[in-house]
Protein backbone atom coordinates (compact mmCIF):
# COMPACT_ATOMS: atom_id res chain seq x y z
CA MET A 1 -43.97 78.41 186.02
CA THR A 2 -42.49 81.82 186.04
CA GLY A 3 -39.06 81.15 186.02
CA TYR A 4 -35.97 78.61 186.77
CA GLU A 5 -33.42 79.16 189.39
CA GLN A 6 -29.70 78.33 188.61
CA ALA A 7 -27.83 75.85 190.72
CA ASP A 8 -26.16 77.20 193.70
CA ARG A 9 -22.67 76.61 192.32
CA LEU A 10 -23.54 78.63 189.42
CA ARG A 11 -25.07 81.46 191.57
CA ARG A 12 -21.78 81.52 193.13
CA ILE A 13 -19.67 82.70 190.04
CA PRO A 14 -19.84 86.15 189.27
CA PRO A 15 -20.60 87.21 185.60
CA TYR A 16 -17.80 86.55 183.41
CA LEU A 17 -15.81 89.76 183.51
CA TYR A 18 -16.37 90.79 179.54
CA ALA A 19 -20.06 90.17 179.85
CA ARG A 20 -20.30 92.70 182.50
CA LEU A 21 -18.46 95.36 180.76
CA ALA A 22 -19.82 94.73 177.11
CA PRO A 23 -23.09 96.69 177.68
CA MET A 24 -21.06 99.98 178.80
CA PHE A 25 -19.10 99.60 175.30
CA ALA A 26 -22.04 98.38 173.20
CA GLU A 27 -24.02 101.60 174.29
CA ARG A 28 -21.41 104.09 173.02
CA ARG A 29 -20.83 102.06 169.85
CA ALA A 30 -24.53 102.24 169.20
CA ARG A 31 -24.24 106.21 169.50
CA GLY A 32 -21.58 105.85 166.76
CA TRP A 33 -18.52 106.31 168.66
CA ASP A 34 -15.30 104.95 167.66
CA MET A 35 -14.00 102.73 170.39
CA ILE A 36 -10.37 101.69 170.34
CA ASP A 37 -10.14 98.29 171.97
CA PHE A 38 -7.43 97.44 174.48
CA GLY A 39 -9.57 95.08 176.49
CA ILE A 40 -10.05 91.11 175.60
CA GLY A 41 -7.03 89.61 174.47
CA ASP A 42 -7.89 88.14 170.99
CA PRO A 43 -5.18 88.65 168.41
CA ASP A 44 -6.02 91.14 165.58
CA LEU A 45 -3.36 89.58 163.46
CA CYS A 46 -4.35 86.83 161.04
CA THR A 47 -3.38 83.35 161.25
CA PRO A 48 -0.33 82.28 159.08
CA PRO A 49 -1.59 81.28 155.44
CA CYS A 50 -0.33 78.06 155.51
CA ILE A 51 -2.34 76.84 158.47
CA VAL A 52 -5.47 78.19 156.79
CA GLU A 53 -4.86 76.29 153.61
CA GLU A 54 -4.26 73.34 155.35
CA MET A 55 -7.35 73.35 157.33
CA CYS A 56 -9.49 74.04 154.36
CA ARG A 57 -7.70 71.05 152.38
CA GLN A 58 -8.34 68.62 155.64
CA ALA A 59 -11.58 69.84 155.74
CA ALA A 60 -12.53 68.42 152.16
CA VAL A 61 -11.55 65.11 153.47
CA GLY A 62 -14.43 63.11 154.43
CA GLU A 63 -12.75 61.13 157.33
CA ASN A 64 -11.92 64.40 158.86
CA GLN A 65 -15.65 65.49 159.07
CA LYS A 66 -16.39 62.87 161.62
CA TYR A 67 -15.91 62.78 165.34
CA SER A 68 -12.51 62.91 166.90
CA THR A 69 -11.91 61.72 170.32
CA SER A 70 -11.67 63.37 173.55
CA ALA A 71 -7.78 62.55 173.90
CA GLY A 72 -7.31 63.96 170.37
CA GLU A 73 -5.91 62.62 167.20
CA ARG A 74 -2.89 60.56 167.58
CA ASP A 75 -0.78 62.34 164.84
CA LEU A 76 -1.38 65.70 166.79
CA ARG A 77 -0.30 64.23 169.94
CA ILE A 78 2.82 62.99 168.17
CA ALA A 79 3.38 66.67 166.76
CA VAL A 80 2.90 67.89 170.26
CA ALA A 81 5.42 65.69 171.74
CA ASP A 82 7.87 66.26 169.05
CA TRP A 83 7.49 70.03 169.64
CA TYR A 84 8.01 69.64 173.36
CA ARG A 85 11.34 68.03 172.38
CA ARG A 86 12.47 70.53 170.11
CA ARG A 87 11.27 73.49 171.81
CA PHE A 88 11.72 72.68 175.55
CA GLY A 89 14.14 69.58 175.39
CA VAL A 90 11.58 67.57 177.12
CA ASP A 91 10.50 64.10 175.98
CA VAL A 92 7.15 62.99 176.55
CA ASP A 93 4.83 60.00 175.45
CA PRO A 94 2.31 60.82 173.08
CA ASP A 95 -0.04 57.90 174.17
CA THR A 96 0.12 58.70 177.92
CA GLN A 97 1.35 62.39 178.47
CA VAL A 98 -0.47 64.36 175.90
CA CYS A 99 -4.28 65.39 175.60
CA ILE A 100 -5.54 67.59 172.85
CA THR A 101 -8.17 70.06 174.14
CA ILE A 102 -10.62 72.39 172.85
CA GLY A 103 -8.61 75.61 173.55
CA SER A 104 -6.71 75.35 177.09
CA LYS A 105 -9.70 77.20 178.88
CA GLU A 106 -11.69 73.86 178.86
CA ALA A 107 -8.67 71.93 180.30
CA VAL A 108 -7.94 74.45 183.13
CA PHE A 109 -11.90 73.72 183.94
CA ASN A 110 -11.64 70.03 183.61
CA ILE A 111 -8.51 69.13 185.48
CA ALA A 112 -10.20 70.42 188.68
CA GLN A 113 -13.26 68.37 187.86
CA ALA A 114 -11.21 65.06 187.58
CA PHE A 115 -9.24 65.70 190.62
CA VAL A 116 -10.82 68.02 193.09
CA ASP A 117 -13.12 66.75 195.72
CA PRO A 118 -15.95 69.09 197.56
CA GLY A 119 -14.21 70.59 200.65
CA GLU A 120 -10.80 70.22 199.39
CA THR A 121 -8.82 73.45 198.39
CA ILE A 122 -7.59 74.97 195.35
CA ILE A 123 -4.96 77.74 195.04
CA ALA A 124 -5.23 80.45 192.73
CA PRO A 125 -3.01 83.40 191.87
CA SER A 126 -4.66 86.91 192.54
CA PRO A 127 -4.55 88.64 190.00
CA GLY A 128 -5.19 85.45 187.77
CA TYR A 129 -7.00 84.30 185.08
CA PRO A 130 -10.43 84.02 186.53
CA VAL A 131 -11.50 80.44 185.53
CA TYR A 132 -9.01 79.35 188.29
CA SER A 133 -10.69 80.71 191.20
CA GLY A 134 -14.27 80.89 189.74
CA ALA A 135 -15.62 78.07 187.87
CA ALA A 136 -13.00 75.46 188.39
CA ALA A 137 -13.33 75.78 192.14
CA ALA A 138 -17.13 76.41 192.36
CA PHE A 139 -18.12 73.51 190.16
CA THR A 140 -15.96 70.90 192.51
CA GLY A 141 -17.53 72.54 195.54
CA ALA A 142 -13.85 73.13 196.70
CA GLU A 143 -12.47 76.22 198.48
CA CYS A 144 -10.52 78.70 196.73
CA VAL A 145 -7.51 80.34 198.54
CA ARG A 146 -6.32 83.33 196.44
CA VAL A 147 -3.05 84.18 197.15
CA PRO A 148 -1.96 87.38 196.18
CA LEU A 149 0.87 88.28 193.58
CA ARG A 150 2.77 91.17 194.47
CA PRO A 151 4.66 93.97 192.64
CA GLU A 152 7.63 94.04 194.74
CA ARG A 153 8.01 90.22 194.28
CA ASP A 154 8.02 90.86 190.09
CA TRP A 155 4.36 89.39 190.47
CA LEU A 156 5.76 85.63 191.19
CA LEU A 157 3.46 83.59 193.29
CA ASP A 158 5.27 82.97 196.94
CA VAL A 159 4.76 79.56 197.97
CA ASP A 160 5.49 80.35 201.55
CA GLU A 161 2.15 82.15 201.44
CA CYS A 162 0.20 79.39 200.24
CA PRO A 163 -1.97 76.88 202.34
CA GLN A 164 -0.18 73.39 203.06
CA GLY A 165 -2.19 70.42 202.14
CA ALA A 166 -4.16 71.93 199.08
CA ARG A 167 -5.19 69.54 196.43
CA MET A 168 -4.43 71.71 193.41
CA LEU A 169 -2.50 74.90 192.55
CA TYR A 170 -2.79 76.98 189.24
CA LEU A 171 0.15 79.15 187.87
CA ASN A 172 0.76 80.94 185.25
CA TYR A 173 3.75 82.52 183.56
CA PRO A 174 4.08 84.20 181.17
CA ASN A 175 1.27 86.01 183.20
CA ASN A 176 -2.10 87.13 182.44
CA PRO A 177 -2.85 89.96 183.45
CA THR A 178 0.47 91.09 184.71
CA GLY A 179 2.94 90.16 181.87
CA ALA A 180 5.13 88.97 184.40
CA THR A 181 7.65 86.11 183.44
CA CYS A 182 9.71 83.44 185.34
CA ASP A 183 12.63 81.15 184.85
CA ALA A 184 12.89 77.23 185.14
CA GLY A 185 14.42 77.67 188.51
CA TYR A 186 11.24 79.18 189.85
CA LEU A 187 9.17 76.61 188.61
CA ARG A 188 11.47 73.60 190.23
CA ARG A 189 10.83 75.49 193.56
CA VAL A 190 7.27 75.52 192.99
CA GLN A 191 7.11 72.04 191.76
CA ASP A 192 9.17 70.81 194.75
CA TRP A 193 6.74 72.54 197.26
CA CYS A 194 3.92 71.04 195.42
CA ARG A 195 5.33 67.47 195.52
CA ASP A 196 6.25 68.02 199.57
CA ASN A 197 2.61 69.27 200.10
CA GLY A 198 0.72 66.50 197.80
CA THR A 199 -0.64 69.63 195.53
CA ILE A 200 -1.29 69.12 191.82
CA MET A 201 0.47 71.81 189.93
CA CYS A 202 -1.17 73.03 186.97
CA TYR A 203 0.80 75.21 184.72
CA ASP A 204 -0.89 77.26 182.27
CA ASN A 205 1.54 78.03 179.54
CA ALA A 206 -0.74 79.69 176.81
CA TYR A 207 1.78 82.50 176.28
CA SER A 208 4.92 80.44 175.90
CA GLU A 209 5.69 81.89 172.70
CA MET A 210 4.88 85.64 173.30
CA CYS A 211 8.11 86.81 174.42
CA TYR A 212 10.26 89.82 173.94
CA ASP A 213 13.83 91.19 174.42
CA GLY A 214 15.61 87.80 174.03
CA TYR A 215 13.48 86.10 176.86
CA ARG A 216 12.03 82.33 176.08
CA ALA A 217 9.67 81.17 178.40
CA PRO A 218 10.20 77.68 179.89
CA SER A 219 7.95 74.69 180.47
CA ALA A 220 7.18 73.39 183.77
CA LEU A 221 7.87 70.09 182.53
CA GLU A 222 11.67 71.24 182.24
CA ALA A 223 11.43 71.46 186.16
CA GLY A 224 10.34 67.96 186.57
CA PRO A 225 7.35 65.45 185.78
CA ASP A 226 5.11 65.86 188.61
CA CYS A 227 2.69 68.52 187.09
CA ILE A 228 0.21 69.12 184.24
CA GLU A 229 0.69 72.03 181.76
CA PHE A 230 -1.71 73.59 179.48
CA GLY A 231 -0.82 75.17 176.09
CA SER A 232 -2.84 76.70 173.32
CA PHE A 233 -2.50 77.59 169.45
CA SER A 234 -4.73 80.78 170.09
CA LYS A 235 -2.31 83.32 171.19
CA THR A 236 1.08 81.70 169.27
CA PHE A 237 -0.71 81.40 165.64
CA ASN A 238 -3.63 83.76 166.18
CA MET A 239 -6.23 80.93 166.41
CA THR A 240 -8.42 81.92 169.24
CA GLY A 241 -11.49 81.12 167.18
CA TYR A 242 -10.13 77.64 166.22
CA ARG A 243 -10.45 76.48 169.69
CA LEU A 244 -7.36 74.09 169.79
CA GLY A 245 -5.01 73.39 172.85
CA TYR A 246 -3.15 70.71 174.42
CA ALA A 247 -2.37 69.26 178.01
CA VAL A 248 1.09 67.58 178.60
CA GLY A 249 2.19 66.12 181.79
CA HIS A 250 2.25 63.30 184.47
CA PRO A 251 0.52 60.31 182.83
CA ASP A 252 -1.96 59.98 185.69
CA LEU A 253 -3.33 63.48 185.47
CA VAL A 254 -3.53 63.22 181.73
CA ALA A 255 -5.53 60.20 182.17
CA GLY A 256 -7.68 61.87 184.65
CA LEU A 257 -8.31 64.65 182.25
CA ARG A 258 -9.24 62.42 179.56
CA LYS A 259 -11.66 60.32 181.50
CA CYS A 260 -13.42 63.78 182.34
CA LYS A 261 -13.29 64.96 178.79
CA GLY A 262 -14.72 61.40 177.59
CA GLN A 263 -18.09 62.09 179.54
CA THR A 264 -18.15 66.14 178.23
CA ASP A 265 -16.90 66.41 174.67
CA SER A 266 -15.97 64.42 171.54
CA GLY A 267 -12.67 66.28 170.94
CA ALA A 268 -11.77 69.27 168.68
CA PRO A 269 -12.74 69.05 164.80
CA ILE A 270 -10.41 66.61 163.13
CA PHE A 271 -9.58 69.06 160.29
CA VAL A 272 -8.72 71.78 162.71
CA GLN A 273 -6.15 69.22 164.76
CA LYS A 274 -4.68 68.56 161.12
CA ALA A 275 -3.94 72.36 160.86
CA GLY A 276 -2.39 72.10 164.25
CA ILE A 277 0.18 69.79 162.91
CA ALA A 278 1.03 72.29 160.32
CA ALA A 279 1.34 75.16 162.97
CA LEU A 280 3.80 73.13 165.08
CA GLY A 281 5.74 71.89 161.94
CA MET A 282 6.67 75.41 161.35
CA TYR A 283 9.04 75.15 164.12
CA GLY A 284 12.65 74.19 163.08
CA GLU A 285 14.78 71.44 164.68
CA ASP A 286 16.25 73.66 167.28
CA GLY A 287 12.91 74.89 168.52
CA ARG A 288 13.19 78.55 166.90
CA PRO A 289 10.05 79.97 165.97
CA PRO A 290 9.33 80.49 162.39
CA GLN A 291 9.37 83.78 160.45
CA ALA A 292 5.72 84.24 160.75
CA ILE A 293 5.77 84.09 164.32
CA VAL A 294 8.68 86.29 164.67
CA ASP A 295 7.43 89.02 162.81
CA ASN A 296 3.97 88.80 164.59
CA MET A 297 5.94 89.36 167.56
CA GLY A 298 7.97 92.34 166.15
CA VAL A 299 4.42 93.83 165.77
CA TYR A 300 3.47 93.33 169.06
CA SER A 301 6.54 94.34 170.49
CA GLU A 302 6.38 97.72 168.64
CA ARG A 303 2.96 98.42 169.92
CA ARG A 304 4.12 97.62 173.41
CA ARG A 305 6.92 100.09 173.23
CA VAL A 306 4.45 102.67 172.15
CA LEU A 307 1.76 102.04 174.42
CA VAL A 308 4.09 101.75 177.62
CA GLU A 309 6.34 104.81 176.82
CA GLY A 310 3.05 106.73 175.96
CA LEU A 311 1.46 105.75 179.36
CA ARG A 312 4.75 106.77 181.12
CA GLU A 313 4.56 110.27 179.27
CA LEU A 314 1.16 110.47 180.90
CA GLY A 315 2.40 109.96 184.34
CA PHE A 316 1.68 106.21 184.91
CA ASP A 317 4.54 103.95 186.64
CA VAL A 318 4.57 101.10 183.81
CA ARG A 319 6.98 98.34 183.29
CA MET A 320 8.02 96.96 179.97
CA PRO A 321 6.60 93.41 179.82
CA LYS A 322 8.97 90.62 178.53
CA GLY A 323 5.80 88.34 177.66
CA THR A 324 2.42 88.38 176.70
CA PHE A 325 0.65 91.00 174.84
CA TYR A 326 -0.53 92.90 178.03
CA VAL A 327 0.35 95.99 179.60
CA TRP A 328 -0.32 96.15 183.18
CA PHE A 329 -0.18 99.56 185.48
CA ASP A 330 -1.53 100.86 188.62
CA CYS A 331 -3.92 103.57 187.41
CA GLY A 332 -4.12 105.70 190.91
CA MET A 333 -8.02 105.05 191.47
CA SER A 334 -10.73 102.39 191.40
CA SER A 335 -10.26 100.18 188.62
CA PHE A 336 -13.70 100.43 187.32
CA GLU A 337 -13.83 104.25 187.81
CA PHE A 338 -10.95 104.37 185.73
CA THR A 339 -12.66 102.11 183.28
CA GLU A 340 -15.70 104.23 182.87
CA ARG A 341 -13.71 107.31 182.66
CA MET A 342 -11.76 105.57 179.41
CA ALA A 343 -15.01 104.40 178.12
CA ASP A 344 -15.95 108.06 177.92
CA LEU A 345 -12.66 108.75 175.90
CA GLY A 346 -13.81 106.02 173.48
CA VAL A 347 -10.82 103.95 174.95
CA ILE A 348 -11.90 100.13 176.10
CA VAL A 349 -9.33 98.65 178.89
CA THR A 350 -9.96 95.97 181.26
CA PRO A 351 -10.26 96.60 185.09
CA GLY A 352 -7.75 94.73 187.35
CA SER A 353 -10.59 94.09 189.81
CA GLY A 354 -11.91 91.39 187.44
CA PHE A 355 -8.72 89.31 187.87
CA GLY A 356 -9.01 89.22 191.64
CA ASP A 357 -9.61 91.47 194.69
CA SER A 358 -5.88 92.09 195.21
CA ALA A 359 -5.71 93.71 191.53
CA GLU A 360 -7.94 96.75 192.47
CA GLY A 361 -6.35 99.81 191.20
CA TYR A 362 -4.93 98.21 188.29
CA ILE A 363 -5.54 98.17 184.73
CA ARG A 364 -4.59 95.74 181.90
CA MET A 365 -4.54 97.06 178.33
CA THR A 366 -3.93 94.51 175.21
CA VAL A 367 -1.89 95.70 172.23
CA THR A 368 -4.52 94.36 169.87
CA GLU A 369 -4.53 97.74 167.96
CA PRO A 370 -2.14 99.08 165.60
CA VAL A 371 0.18 101.72 166.31
CA GLU A 372 -1.70 104.73 164.75
CA ARG A 373 -4.83 103.58 167.15
CA ILE A 374 -2.70 103.40 169.90
CA ARG A 375 -1.25 106.89 169.41
CA THR A 376 -5.00 108.27 169.02
CA ALA A 377 -6.08 106.72 172.27
CA LEU A 378 -3.13 108.00 174.15
CA GLU A 379 -3.75 111.61 172.69
CA ARG A 380 -7.40 111.21 173.96
CA MET A 381 -6.21 110.20 177.36
CA GLY A 382 -3.80 113.06 177.25
CA ARG A 383 -6.39 115.56 176.67
CA GLY A 384 -9.32 113.99 178.49
CA SER A 385 -11.86 114.10 175.92
CA TYR A 386 -13.14 112.16 173.10
CA GLU A 387 -12.97 114.76 170.24
């Protein structure tokens, strides 16, 4: 036998964005180039020490070295429910409305597997996280309708442009890749539309704690109970490699997610979940973030300012984002062409086209480099050369 063909559903999914870009950057690194990386959204700041210490302590306990469950440890589910009460003023039942996930990415995928049948419709924002319109739809045999987000609407999804009767809708604010934000009133209007149309609202709130300039991101559950929301420890606590997240929402939706996960995983490591309890416990009773998170966001805020102001000086029209650690702008040419040009300057960026066809001509940059490195990258861009 000469080879094995992939299933049709897998062939329909384009290669993951960073898998396609990696060879371009790796070739230059192999030549000894100093590549300044604004690409993938992986925090460069460290996990708060108290979380690391708790994980190490819990990992030494024999009972914590065993399988967890696909629903997650009950003490972490209680901690998540308590955090929702403190942070958003929302009461949820840890036994029926919370599920611990292996990061939020798998939950974004699995919720579609649990509730969408072949031929049904999934609505995904464009630009948007590729999993919404890619694997989540393809592996269910669903049709994906990509609804464009528009700068003149502050990158907010307009439900009037969405097809009626869709089975599921994905939404994400603070938004990856645009950095756009919304308020609870907007989420209420979207949830009302979903309820009227029999559409499941899936809200990706992974960046809820990455906010600036006095803005505090809401939860979709503040707008009502008829949804499921995904959160993550990855960005809030710089815990991307720990793979820990949670889903909170309507009991029927959480039950479906749990059932799907029960067939595919045995839960995140128990000792990592114990560290998650310590992380959420850092928040005060008033829901205010701990000093470690405030300090981290201060670092990202300064980097954001330097990058945005520098890009403006280079002639780009860039909005100062109030959420995430992404800077999003129109580059004035093909996204991939701009990305290639930047690679020739030793600067790694992400083409907007990787987030949907409607984002062609845009670029995303992540402020995961120190200020000095950001200034160096801007200098290279200004003179148009690596040297």
